[in-house]
Amino acid sequence: TAFRVLFERLDSGNWPPLDPATLNQA
């Protein structure tokens, strides 16, 4: 999940939502 956050940041140029509920669901 942490990797996917970083991948999305690299692909889009923006950090995705990082609230715990979203991360835990992912």
PDB file of all heavy atoms in Angstrom:
ATOM      1  N   THR A   1       0.831  -1.198   0.000  1.00  0.00           N
ATOM      2  CA  THR A   1       0.000   0.000   0.000  1.00  0.00           C
ATOM      3  C   THR A   1       0.868   1.252   0.000  1.00  0.00           C
ATOM      4  O   THR A   1       0.584   2.221  -0.713  1.00  0.00           O
ATOM      5  CB  THR A   1      -0.940  -0.010   1.215  1.00  0.00           C
ATOM      6  OG1 THR A   1      -1.819  -1.142   1.116  1.00  0.00           O
ATOM      7  CG2 THR A   1      -1.769   1.265   1.285  1.00  0.00           C
ATOM      8  N   ALA A   2       1.935   1.241   0.801  1.00  0.00           N
ATOM      9  CA  ALA A   2       2.852   2.382   0.802  1.00  0.00           C
ATOM     10  C   ALA A   2       3.496   2.553  -0.580  1.00  0.00           C
ATOM     11  O   ALA A   2       3.608   3.677  -1.096  1.00  0.00           O
ATOM     12  CB  ALA A   2       3.920   2.190   1.871  1.00  0.00           C
ATOM     13  N   PHE A   3       3.894   1.463  -1.192  1.00  0.00           N
ATOM     14  CA  PHE A   3       4.454   1.536  -2.543  1.00  0.00           C
ATOM     15  C   PHE A   3       3.466   2.160  -3.529  1.00  0.00           C
ATOM     16  O   PHE A   3       3.830   3.000  -4.357  1.00  0.00           O
ATOM     17  CB  PHE A   3       4.826   0.134  -3.037  1.00  0.00           C
ATOM     18  CG  PHE A   3       6.258  -0.236  -2.786  1.00  0.00           C
ATOM     19  CD1 PHE A   3       6.583  -1.323  -1.985  1.00  0.00           C
ATOM     20  CD2 PHE A   3       7.279   0.488  -3.359  1.00  0.00           C
ATOM     21  CE1 PHE A   3       7.900  -1.676  -1.764  1.00  0.00           C
ATOM     22  CE2 PHE A   3       8.610   0.139  -3.145  1.00  0.00           C
ATOM     23  CZ  PHE A   3       8.922  -0.943  -2.338  1.00  0.00           C
ATOM     24  N   ARG A   4       2.220   1.720  -3.427  1.00  0.00           N
ATOM     25  CA  ARG A   4       1.219   2.214  -4.375  1.00  0.00           C
ATOM     26  C   ARG A   4       0.973   3.705  -4.187  1.00  0.00           C
ATOM     27  O   ARG A   4       0.715   4.427  -5.151  1.00  0.00           O
ATOM     28  CB  ARG A   4      -0.068   1.405  -4.219  1.00  0.00           C
ATOM     29  CG  ARG A   4       0.100  -0.036  -4.674  1.00  0.00           C
ATOM     30  CD  ARG A   4      -1.051  -0.917  -4.290  1.00  0.00           C
ATOM     31  NE  ARG A   4      -2.185  -0.762  -5.193  1.00  0.00           N
ATOM     32  CZ  ARG A   4      -3.302  -1.469  -5.083  1.00  0.00           C
ATOM     33  NH1 ARG A   4      -3.426  -2.367  -4.103  1.00  0.00           N
ATOM     34  NH2 ARG A   4      -4.283  -1.292  -5.924  1.00  0.00           N
ATOM     35  N   VAL A   5       1.049   4.176  -2.944  1.00  0.00           N
ATOM     36  CA  VAL A   5       0.955   5.615  -2.697  1.00  0.00           C
ATOM     37  C   VAL A   5       2.082   6.342  -3.420  1.00  0.00           C
ATOM     38  O   VAL A   5       1.863   7.352  -4.103  1.00  0.00           O
ATOM     39  CB  VAL A   5       1.004   5.908  -1.178  1.00  0.00           C
ATOM     40  CG1 VAL A   5       1.268   7.393  -0.910  1.00  0.00           C
ATOM     41  CG2 VAL A   5      -0.293   5.468  -0.509  1.00  0.00           C
ATOM     42  N   LEU A   6       3.283   5.836  -3.275  1.00  0.00           N
ATOM     43  CA  LEU A   6       4.434   6.477  -3.909  1.00  0.00           C
ATOM     44  C   LEU A   6       4.347   6.395  -5.442  1.00  0.00           C
ATOM     45  O   LEU A   6       4.638   7.362  -6.150  1.00  0.00           O
ATOM     46  CB  LEU A   6       5.727   5.847  -3.402  1.00  0.00           C
ATOM     47  CG  LEU A   6       7.028   6.486  -3.887  1.00  0.00           C
ATOM     48  CD1 LEU A   6       7.062   7.982  -3.579  1.00  0.00           C
ATOM     49  CD2 LEU A   6       8.216   5.795  -3.258  1.00  0.00           C
ATOM     50  N   PHE A   7       3.926   5.229  -5.958  1.00  0.00           N
ATOM     51  CA  PHE A   7       3.770   5.095  -7.412  1.00  0.00           C
ATOM     52  C   PHE A   7       2.774   6.113  -7.950  1.00  0.00           C
ATOM     53  O   PHE A   7       2.994   6.728  -8.994  1.00  0.00           O
ATOM     54  CB  PHE A   7       3.304   3.681  -7.781  1.00  0.00           C
ATOM     55  CG  PHE A   7       4.295   2.595  -7.477  1.00  0.00           C
ATOM     56  CD1 PHE A   7       3.860   1.314  -7.176  1.00  0.00           C
ATOM     57  CD2 PHE A   7       5.659   2.832  -7.492  1.00  0.00           C
ATOM     58  CE1 PHE A   7       4.754   0.291  -6.906  1.00  0.00           C
ATOM     59  CE2 PHE A   7       6.569   1.816  -7.222  1.00  0.00           C
ATOM     60  CZ  PHE A   7       6.118   0.546  -6.933  1.00  0.00           C
ATOM     61  N   GLU A   8       1.653   6.276  -7.232  1.00  0.00           N
ATOM     62  CA  GLU A   8       0.647   7.235  -7.689  1.00  0.00           C
ATOM     63  C   GLU A   8       1.198   8.662  -7.660  1.00  0.00           C
ATOM     64  O   GLU A   8       0.925   9.463  -8.554  1.00  0.00           O
ATOM     65  CB  GLU A   8      -0.625   7.132  -6.848  1.00  0.00           C
ATOM     66  CG  GLU A   8      -1.729   8.053  -7.334  1.00  0.00           C
ATOM     67  CD  GLU A   8      -3.065   7.827  -6.660  1.00  0.00           C
ATOM     68  OE1 GLU A   8      -3.253   6.765  -6.032  1.00  0.00           O
ATOM     69  OE2 GLU A   8      -3.934   8.722  -6.758  1.00  0.00           O
ATOM     70  N   ARG A   9       1.961   8.960  -6.606  1.00  0.00           N
ATOM     71  CA  ARG A   9       2.560  10.302  -6.531  1.00  0.00           C
ATOM     72  C   ARG A   9       3.495  10.543  -7.722  1.00  0.00           C
ATOM     73  O   ARG A   9       3.507  11.629  -8.321  1.00  0.00           O
ATOM     74  CB  ARG A   9       3.338  10.431  -5.210  1.00  0.00           C
ATOM     75  CG  ARG A   9       4.263  11.635  -5.119  1.00  0.00           C
ATOM     76  CD  ARG A   9       3.505  12.951  -5.203  1.00  0.00           C
ATOM     77  NE  ARG A   9       4.423  14.081  -5.160  1.00  0.00           N
ATOM     78  CZ  ARG A   9       5.073  14.587  -6.224  1.00  0.00           C
ATOM     79  NH1 ARG A   9       4.917  14.035  -7.414  1.00  0.00           N
ATOM     80  NH2 ARG A   9       5.877  15.625  -6.086  1.00  0.00           N
ATOM     81  N   LEU A  10       4.235   9.529  -8.096  1.00  0.00           N
ATOM     82  CA  LEU A  10       5.166   9.677  -9.210  1.00  0.00           C
ATOM     83  C   LEU A  10       4.436   9.791 -10.546  1.00  0.00           C
ATOM     84  O   LEU A  10       4.836  10.544 -11.433  1.00  0.00           O
ATOM     85  CB  LEU A  10       6.133   8.497  -9.238  1.00  0.00           C
ATOM     86  CG  LEU A  10       7.079   8.400  -8.046  1.00  0.00           C
ATOM     87  CD1 LEU A  10       7.921   7.141  -8.130  1.00  0.00           C
ATOM     88  CD2 LEU A  10       7.970   9.617  -7.967  1.00  0.00           C
ATOM     89  N   ASP A  11       3.366   9.032 -10.692  1.00  0.00           N
ATOM     90  CA  ASP A  11       2.633   9.036 -11.963  1.00  0.00           C
ATOM     91  C   ASP A  11       1.800  10.299 -12.152  1.00  0.00           C
ATOM     92  O   ASP A  11       1.718  10.834 -13.255  1.00  0.00           O
ATOM     93  CB  ASP A  11       1.725   7.807 -12.046  1.00  0.00           C
ATOM     94  CG  ASP A  11       2.511   6.518 -12.223  1.00  0.00           C
ATOM     95  OD1 ASP A  11       3.662   6.592 -12.695  1.00  0.00           O
ATOM     96  OD2 ASP A  11       1.977   5.448 -11.881  1.00  0.00           O
ATOM     97  N   SER A  12       1.171  10.780 -11.073  1.00  0.00           N
ATOM     98  CA  SER A  12       0.224  11.895 -11.194  1.00  0.00           C
ATOM     99  C   SER A  12       0.828  13.251 -10.864  1.00  0.00           C
ATOM    100  O   SER A  12       0.298  14.289 -11.257  1.00  0.00           O
ATOM    101  CB  SER A  12      -0.984  11.661 -10.278  1.00  0.00           C
ATOM    102  OG  SER A  12      -0.603  11.805  -8.908  1.00  0.00           O
ATOM    103  N   GLY A  13       1.921  13.259 -10.098  1.00  0.00           N
ATOM    104  CA  GLY A  13       2.490  14.506  -9.621  1.00  0.00           C
ATOM    105  C   GLY A  13       1.849  15.010  -8.349  1.00  0.00           C
ATOM    106  O   GLY A  13       2.245  16.069  -7.837  1.00  0.00           O
ATOM    107  N   ASN A  14       0.875  14.268  -7.798  1.00  0.00           N
ATOM    108  CA  ASN A  14       0.184  14.685  -6.573  1.00  0.00           C
ATOM    109  C   ASN A  14       0.101  13.518  -5.602  1.00  0.00           C
ATOM    110  O   ASN A  14      -0.059  12.358  -6.018  1.00  0.00           O
ATOM    111  CB  ASN A  14      -1.236  15.176  -6.889  1.00  0.00           C
ATOM    112  CG  ASN A  14      -1.239  16.386  -7.786  1.00  0.00           C
ATOM    113  OD1 ASN A  14      -0.715  17.442  -7.441  1.00  0.00           O
ATOM    114  ND2 ASN A  14      -1.831  16.238  -8.971  1.00  0.00           N
ATOM    115  N   TRP A  15       0.184  13.831  -4.309  1.00  0.00           N
ATOM    116  CA  TRP A  15       0.004  12.789  -3.297  1.00  0.00           C
ATOM    117  C   TRP A  15      -1.470  12.394  -3.242  1.00  0.00           C
ATOM    118  O   TRP A  15      -2.342  13.255  -3.197  1.00  0.00           O
ATOM    119  CB  TRP A  15       0.440  13.278  -1.924  1.00  0.00           C
ATOM    120  CG  TRP A  15       1.917  13.476  -1.773  1.00  0.00           C
ATOM    121  CD1 TRP A  15       2.589  14.657  -1.743  1.00  0.00           C
ATOM    122  CD2 TRP A  15       2.906  12.447  -1.619  1.00  0.00           C
ATOM    123  NE1 TRP A  15       3.938  14.447  -1.593  1.00  0.00           N
ATOM    124  CE2 TRP A  15       4.171  13.100  -1.507  1.00  0.00           C
ATOM    125  CE3 TRP A  15       2.855  11.056  -1.566  1.00  0.00           C
ATOM    126  CZ2 TRP A  15       5.357  12.404  -1.341  1.00  0.00           C
ATOM    127  CZ3 TRP A  15       4.056  10.353  -1.410  1.00  0.00           C
ATOM    128  CH2 TRP A  15       5.279  11.017  -1.298  1.00  0.00           C
ATOM    129  N   PRO A  16      -1.769  11.100  -3.220  1.00  0.00           N
ATOM    130  CA  PRO A  16      -3.158  10.653  -3.056  1.00  0.00           C
ATOM    131  C   PRO A  16      -3.597  10.806  -1.603  1.00  0.00           C
ATOM    132  O   PRO A  16      -2.788  11.153  -0.739  1.00  0.00           O
ATOM    133  CB  PRO A  16      -3.080   9.181  -3.460  1.00  0.00           C
ATOM    134  CG  PRO A  16      -1.701   8.769  -3.100  1.00  0.00           C
ATOM    135  CD  PRO A  16      -0.833   9.979  -3.350  1.00  0.00           C
ATOM    136  N   PRO A  17      -4.885  10.555  -1.295  1.00  0.00           N
ATOM    137  CA  PRO A  17      -5.343  10.618   0.099  1.00  0.00           C
ATOM    138  C   PRO A  17      -4.551   9.665   0.982  1.00  0.00           C
ATOM    139  O   PRO A  17      -4.309   8.512   0.612  1.00  0.00           O
ATOM    140  CB  PRO A  17      -6.808  10.196   0.009  1.00  0.00           C
ATOM    141  CG  PRO A  17      -7.212  10.523  -1.391  1.00  0.00           C
ATOM    142  CD  PRO A  17      -5.991  10.274  -2.232  1.00  0.00           C
ATOM    143  N   LEU A  18      -4.136  10.159   2.147  1.00  0.00           N
ATOM    144  CA  LEU A  18      -3.309   9.369   3.059  1.00  0.00           C
ATOM    145  C   LEU A  18      -3.987   9.151   4.407  1.00  0.00           C
ATOM    146  O   LEU A  18      -3.321   8.816   5.384  1.00  0.00           O
ATOM    147  CB  LEU A  18      -1.953  10.054   3.267  1.00  0.00           C
ATOM    148  CG  LEU A  18      -1.079  10.211   2.019  1.00  0.00           C
ATOM    149  CD1 LEU A  18       0.230  10.914   2.361  1.00  0.00           C
ATOM    150  CD2 LEU A  18      -0.788   8.859   1.380  1.00  0.00           C
ATOM    151  N   ASP A  19      -5.300   9.326   4.482  1.00  0.00           N
ATOM    152  CA  ASP A  19      -5.985   9.086   5.749  1.00  0.00           C
ATOM    153  C   ASP A  19      -5.978   7.588   6.037  1.00  0.00           C
ATOM    154  O   ASP A  19      -6.019   6.749   5.120  1.00  0.00           O
ATOM    155  CB  ASP A  19      -7.416   9.617   5.695  1.00  0.00           C
ATOM    156  CG  ASP A  19      -8.230   8.953   4.603  1.00  0.00           C
ATOM    157  OD1 ASP A  19      -8.046   9.331   3.418  1.00  0.00           O
ATOM    158  OD2 ASP A  19      -9.017   8.044   4.910  1.00  0.00           O
ATOM    159  N   PRO A  20      -5.900   7.210   7.330  1.00  0.00           N
ATOM    160  CA  PRO A  20      -5.780   5.794   7.676  1.00  0.00           C
ATOM    161  C   PRO A  20      -6.903   4.919   7.129  1.00  0.00           C
ATOM    162  O   PRO A  20      -6.647   3.778   6.722  1.00  0.00           O
ATOM    163  CB  PRO A  20      -5.779   5.808   9.208  1.00  0.00           C
ATOM    164  CG  PRO A  20      -5.228   7.147   9.565  1.00  0.00           C
ATOM    165  CD  PRO A  20      -5.755   8.077   8.513  1.00  0.00           C
ATOM    166  N   ALA A  21      -8.137   5.425   7.116  1.00  0.00           N
ATOM    167  CA  ALA A  21      -9.247   4.605   6.637  1.00  0.00           C
ATOM    168  C   ALA A  21      -9.052   4.214   5.176  1.00  0.00           C
ATOM    169  O   ALA A  21      -9.262   3.052   4.789  1.00  0.00           O
ATOM    170  CB  ALA A  21     -10.564   5.357   6.809  1.00  0.00           C
ATOM    171  N   THR A  22      -8.628   5.160   4.351  1.00  0.00           N
ATOM    172  CA  THR A  22      -8.386   4.873   2.934  1.00  0.00           C
ATOM    173  C   THR A  22      -7.239   3.889   2.768  1.00  0.00           C
ATOM    174  O   THR A  22      -7.310   2.942   1.969  1.00  0.00           O
ATOM    175  CB  THR A  22      -8.082   6.177   2.182  1.00  0.00           C
ATOM    176  OG1 THR A  22      -9.219   7.046   2.275  1.00  0.00           O
ATOM    177  CG2 THR A  22      -7.773   5.907   0.721  1.00  0.00           C
ATOM    178  N   LEU A  23      -6.158   4.101   3.523  1.00  0.00           N
ATOM    179  CA  LEU A  23      -4.997   3.211   3.422  1.00  0.00           C
ATOM    180  C   LEU A  23      -5.336   1.807   3.896  1.00  0.00           C
ATOM    181  O   LEU A  23      -4.943   0.809   3.259  1.00  0.00           O
ATOM    182  CB  LEU A  23      -3.843   3.781   4.247  1.00  0.00           C
ATOM    183  CG  LEU A  23      -3.270   5.120   3.767  1.00  0.00           C
ATOM    184  CD1 LEU A  23      -2.283   5.665   4.798  1.00  0.00           C
ATOM    185  CD2 LEU A  23      -2.592   4.967   2.406  1.00  0.00           C
ATOM    186  N   ASN A  24      -6.059   1.690   4.995  1.00  0.00           N
ATOM    187  CA  ASN A  24      -6.414   0.363   5.509  1.00  0.00           C
ATOM    188  C   ASN A  24      -7.344  -0.370   4.558  1.00  0.00           C
ATOM    189  O   ASN A  24      -7.219  -1.586   4.355  1.00  0.00           O
ATOM    190  CB  ASN A  24      -7.048   0.496   6.895  1.00  0.00           C
ATOM    191  CG  ASN A  24      -6.036   0.846   7.971  1.00  0.00           C
ATOM    192  OD1 ASN A  24      -4.879   0.431   7.908  1.00  0.00           O
ATOM    193  ND2 ASN A  24      -6.448   1.614   8.959  1.00  0.00           N
ATOM    194  N   GLN A  25      -8.269   0.373   3.959  1.00  0.00           N
ATOM    195  CA  GLN A  25      -9.169  -0.246   2.987  1.00  0.00           C
ATOM    196  C   GLN A  25      -8.395  -0.753   1.780  1.00  0.00           C
ATOM    197  O   GLN A  25      -8.645  -1.846   1.268  1.00  0.00           O
ATOM    198  CB  GLN A  25     -10.233   0.754   2.546  1.00  0.00           C
ATOM    199  CG  GLN A  25     -11.270   0.181   1.587  1.00  0.00           C
ATOM    200  CD  GLN A  25     -12.326   1.198   1.205  1.00  0.00           C
ATOM    201  OE1 GLN A  25     -12.182   2.394   1.434  1.00  0.00           O
ATOM    202  NE2 GLN A  25     -13.420   0.722   0.619  1.00  0.00           N
ATOM    203  N   ALA A  26      -7.415   0.032   1.330  1.00  0.00           N
ATOM    204  CA  ALA A  26      -6.591  -0.396   0.196  1.00  0.00           C
ATOM    205  C   ALA A  26      -5.796  -1.647   0.551  1.00  0.00           C
ATOM    206  O   ALA A  26      -5.650  -2.564  -0.277  1.00  0.00           O
ATOM    207  CB  ALA A  26      -5.653   0.735  -0.206  1.00  0.00           C
TER     208      ALA A  26
END
